[in-house]
């Protein structure tokens, strides 16, 4: 597990890539983030699953 400082640096890089550049830059940061890369994909997958479930639940009578 990464230390807190490493996480803060990674979050800053990720935030800057989202705010200041194209998706290509964001993808580059993710692809070159070592252990955080898998954590990103795990987070993204969970978020998408939760999103779909929320949408389906909205359709229930």
N, C-alpha and C. Protein backbone atom coordinates (compact mmCIF):
# COMPACT_ATOMS: atom_id res chain seq x y z
N UNK A 1 0.85 -1.20 0.00
CA UNK A 1 0.00 0.00 0.00
C UNK A 1 0.88 1.24 0.00
N UNK A 2 0.51 2.21 -0.76
CA UNK A 2 1.28 3.45 -0.88
C UNK A 2 1.11 4.32 0.36
N UNK A 3 2.11 5.12 0.63
CA UNK A 3 1.98 6.03 1.76
C UNK A 3 1.12 7.22 1.39
N UNK A 4 0.73 7.99 2.39
CA UNK A 4 -0.20 9.10 2.20
C UNK A 4 0.35 10.13 1.21
N UNK A 5 1.64 10.45 1.30
CA UNK A 5 2.23 11.44 0.41
C UNK A 5 2.15 10.98 -1.05
N UNK A 6 2.41 9.70 -1.30
CA UNK A 6 2.33 9.17 -2.66
C UNK A 6 0.90 9.27 -3.19
N UNK A 7 -0.07 8.99 -2.35
CA UNK A 7 -1.48 9.09 -2.75
C UNK A 7 -1.83 10.53 -3.08
N UNK A 8 -1.38 11.47 -2.24
CA UNK A 8 -1.66 12.88 -2.49
C UNK A 8 -1.07 13.35 -3.81
N UNK A 9 0.14 12.92 -4.11
CA UNK A 9 0.79 13.30 -5.37
C UNK A 9 0.01 12.73 -6.54
N UNK A 10 -0.39 11.47 -6.44
CA UNK A 10 -1.14 10.84 -7.51
C UNK A 10 -2.48 11.54 -7.72
N UNK A 11 -3.18 11.87 -6.64
CA UNK A 11 -4.46 12.57 -6.75
C UNK A 11 -4.27 13.93 -7.41
N UNK A 12 -3.21 14.64 -7.05
CA UNK A 12 -2.93 15.93 -7.67
C UNK A 12 -2.68 15.78 -9.17
N UNK A 13 -1.88 14.80 -9.56
CA UNK A 13 -1.62 14.56 -10.98
C UNK A 13 -2.91 14.22 -11.72
N UNK A 14 -3.72 13.38 -11.13
CA UNK A 14 -4.97 12.97 -11.75
C UNK A 14 -5.92 14.16 -11.90
N UNK A 15 -6.03 14.95 -10.84
CA UNK A 15 -6.89 16.14 -10.88
C UNK A 15 -6.43 17.11 -11.95
N UNK A 16 -5.12 17.37 -12.00
CA UNK A 16 -4.60 18.27 -13.03
C UNK A 16 -4.86 17.75 -14.43
N UNK A 17 -4.73 16.45 -14.62
CA UNK A 17 -4.95 15.89 -15.95
C UNK A 17 -6.41 16.02 -16.37
N UNK A 18 -7.32 15.98 -15.42
CA UNK A 18 -8.75 16.13 -15.73
C UNK A 18 -9.08 17.59 -16.02
N UNK A 19 -8.57 18.48 -15.20
CA UNK A 19 -8.94 19.89 -15.30
C UNK A 19 -8.26 20.62 -16.45
N UNK A 20 -7.03 20.23 -16.79
CA UNK A 20 -6.24 21.06 -17.68
C UNK A 20 -5.98 20.47 -19.06
N UNK A 21 -6.38 19.25 -19.31
CA UNK A 21 -6.01 18.64 -20.58
C UNK A 21 -7.13 17.75 -21.12
N UNK A 22 -6.79 17.03 -22.14
CA UNK A 22 -7.75 16.14 -22.78
C UNK A 22 -7.82 14.79 -22.06
N UNK A 23 -8.74 13.97 -22.49
CA UNK A 23 -8.86 12.62 -21.94
C UNK A 23 -7.58 11.83 -22.16
N UNK A 24 -6.87 12.11 -23.23
CA UNK A 24 -5.63 11.41 -23.52
C UNK A 24 -4.63 11.59 -22.38
N UNK A 25 -4.55 12.79 -21.83
CA UNK A 25 -3.64 13.06 -20.70
C UNK A 25 -4.11 12.30 -19.46
N UNK A 26 -5.40 12.30 -19.22
CA UNK A 26 -5.96 11.56 -18.09
C UNK A 26 -5.60 10.08 -18.21
N UNK A 27 -5.80 9.52 -19.40
CA UNK A 27 -5.48 8.11 -19.63
C UNK A 27 -3.99 7.84 -19.43
N UNK A 28 -3.16 8.76 -19.88
CA UNK A 28 -1.72 8.61 -19.71
C UNK A 28 -1.34 8.57 -18.22
N UNK A 29 -1.96 9.43 -17.43
CA UNK A 29 -1.69 9.43 -15.99
C UNK A 29 -2.12 8.10 -15.38
N UNK A 30 -3.30 7.64 -15.73
CA UNK A 30 -3.80 6.36 -15.21
C UNK A 30 -2.87 5.22 -15.63
N UNK A 31 -2.53 5.17 -16.90
CA UNK A 31 -1.71 4.07 -17.41
C UNK A 31 -0.31 4.03 -16.81
N UNK A 32 0.17 5.16 -16.31
CA UNK A 32 1.51 5.23 -15.74
C UNK A 32 1.49 5.41 -14.22
N UNK A 33 0.44 4.95 -13.58
CA UNK A 33 0.31 5.18 -12.15
C UNK A 33 0.57 3.93 -11.31
N UNK A 34 1.17 2.92 -11.90
CA UNK A 34 1.55 1.73 -11.12
C UNK A 34 0.36 1.05 -10.45
N UNK A 35 0.48 0.86 -9.14
CA UNK A 35 -0.57 0.16 -8.39
C UNK A 35 -1.91 0.88 -8.42
N UNK A 36 -1.87 2.20 -8.58
CA UNK A 36 -3.12 2.96 -8.60
C UNK A 36 -3.95 2.66 -9.85
N UNK A 37 -3.31 2.19 -10.90
CA UNK A 37 -4.03 1.88 -12.14
C UNK A 37 -5.13 0.86 -11.88
N UNK A 38 -4.79 -0.23 -11.21
CA UNK A 38 -5.80 -1.24 -10.93
C UNK A 38 -6.86 -0.72 -9.97
N UNK A 39 -6.44 0.09 -9.01
CA UNK A 39 -7.41 0.68 -8.08
C UNK A 39 -8.39 1.56 -8.83
N UNK A 40 -7.91 2.30 -9.84
CA UNK A 40 -8.79 3.14 -10.64
C UNK A 40 -9.83 2.29 -11.37
N UNK A 41 -9.37 1.21 -12.01
CA UNK A 41 -10.30 0.37 -12.75
C UNK A 41 -11.28 -0.34 -11.82
N UNK A 42 -10.84 -0.73 -10.64
CA UNK A 42 -11.75 -1.32 -9.66
C UNK A 42 -12.81 -0.31 -9.24
N UNK A 43 -12.38 0.93 -8.96
CA UNK A 43 -13.31 1.99 -8.59
C UNK A 43 -14.30 2.26 -9.71
N UNK A 44 -13.77 2.39 -10.93
CA UNK A 44 -14.62 2.69 -12.08
C UNK A 44 -15.67 1.60 -12.30
N UNK A 45 -15.23 0.35 -12.21
CA UNK A 45 -16.14 -0.78 -12.40
C UNK A 45 -17.24 -0.77 -11.33
N UNK A 46 -16.87 -0.55 -10.07
CA UNK A 46 -17.85 -0.52 -8.97
C UNK A 46 -18.82 0.64 -9.17
N UNK A 47 -18.30 1.81 -9.56
CA UNK A 47 -19.15 2.97 -9.77
C UNK A 47 -20.16 2.70 -10.88
N UNK A 48 -19.71 2.09 -11.96
CA UNK A 48 -20.61 1.80 -13.08
C UNK A 48 -21.69 0.80 -12.67
N UNK A 49 -21.32 -0.22 -11.91
CA UNK A 49 -22.31 -1.19 -11.44
C UNK A 49 -23.34 -0.52 -10.55
N UNK A 50 -22.87 0.32 -9.63
CA UNK A 50 -23.79 1.04 -8.74
C UNK A 50 -24.70 1.97 -9.52
N UNK A 51 -24.16 2.63 -10.53
CA UNK A 51 -24.94 3.54 -11.34
C UNK A 51 -26.08 2.79 -12.05
N UNK A 52 -25.75 1.67 -12.65
CA UNK A 52 -26.77 0.88 -13.36
C UNK A 52 -27.83 0.40 -12.38
N UNK A 53 -27.42 -0.07 -11.23
CA UNK A 53 -28.40 -0.52 -10.23
C UNK A 53 -29.31 0.63 -9.79
N UNK A 54 -28.75 1.81 -9.60
CA UNK A 54 -29.58 2.97 -9.22
C UNK A 54 -30.59 3.29 -10.32
N UNK A 55 -30.15 3.21 -11.58
CA UNK A 55 -31.06 3.50 -12.68
C UNK A 55 -32.17 2.45 -12.76
N UNK A 56 -31.82 1.20 -12.58
CA UNK A 56 -32.82 0.14 -12.60
C UNK A 56 -33.81 0.28 -11.46
N UNK A 57 -33.31 0.64 -10.30
CA UNK A 57 -34.19 0.84 -9.14
C UNK A 57 -35.16 1.98 -9.34
N UNK A 58 -34.75 2.96 -10.11
CA UNK A 58 -35.65 4.09 -10.42
C UNK A 58 -36.81 3.65 -11.28
N UNK A 59 -36.65 2.57 -12.03
CA UNK A 59 -37.69 2.08 -12.93
C UNK A 59 -38.73 1.23 -12.21
N UNK A 60 -38.41 0.81 -11.01
CA UNK A 60 -39.36 -0.04 -10.26
C UNK A 60 -40.60 0.76 -9.90
N UNK A 61 -41.75 0.11 -10.00
CA UNK A 61 -43.00 0.81 -9.64
C UNK A 61 -43.12 1.07 -8.15
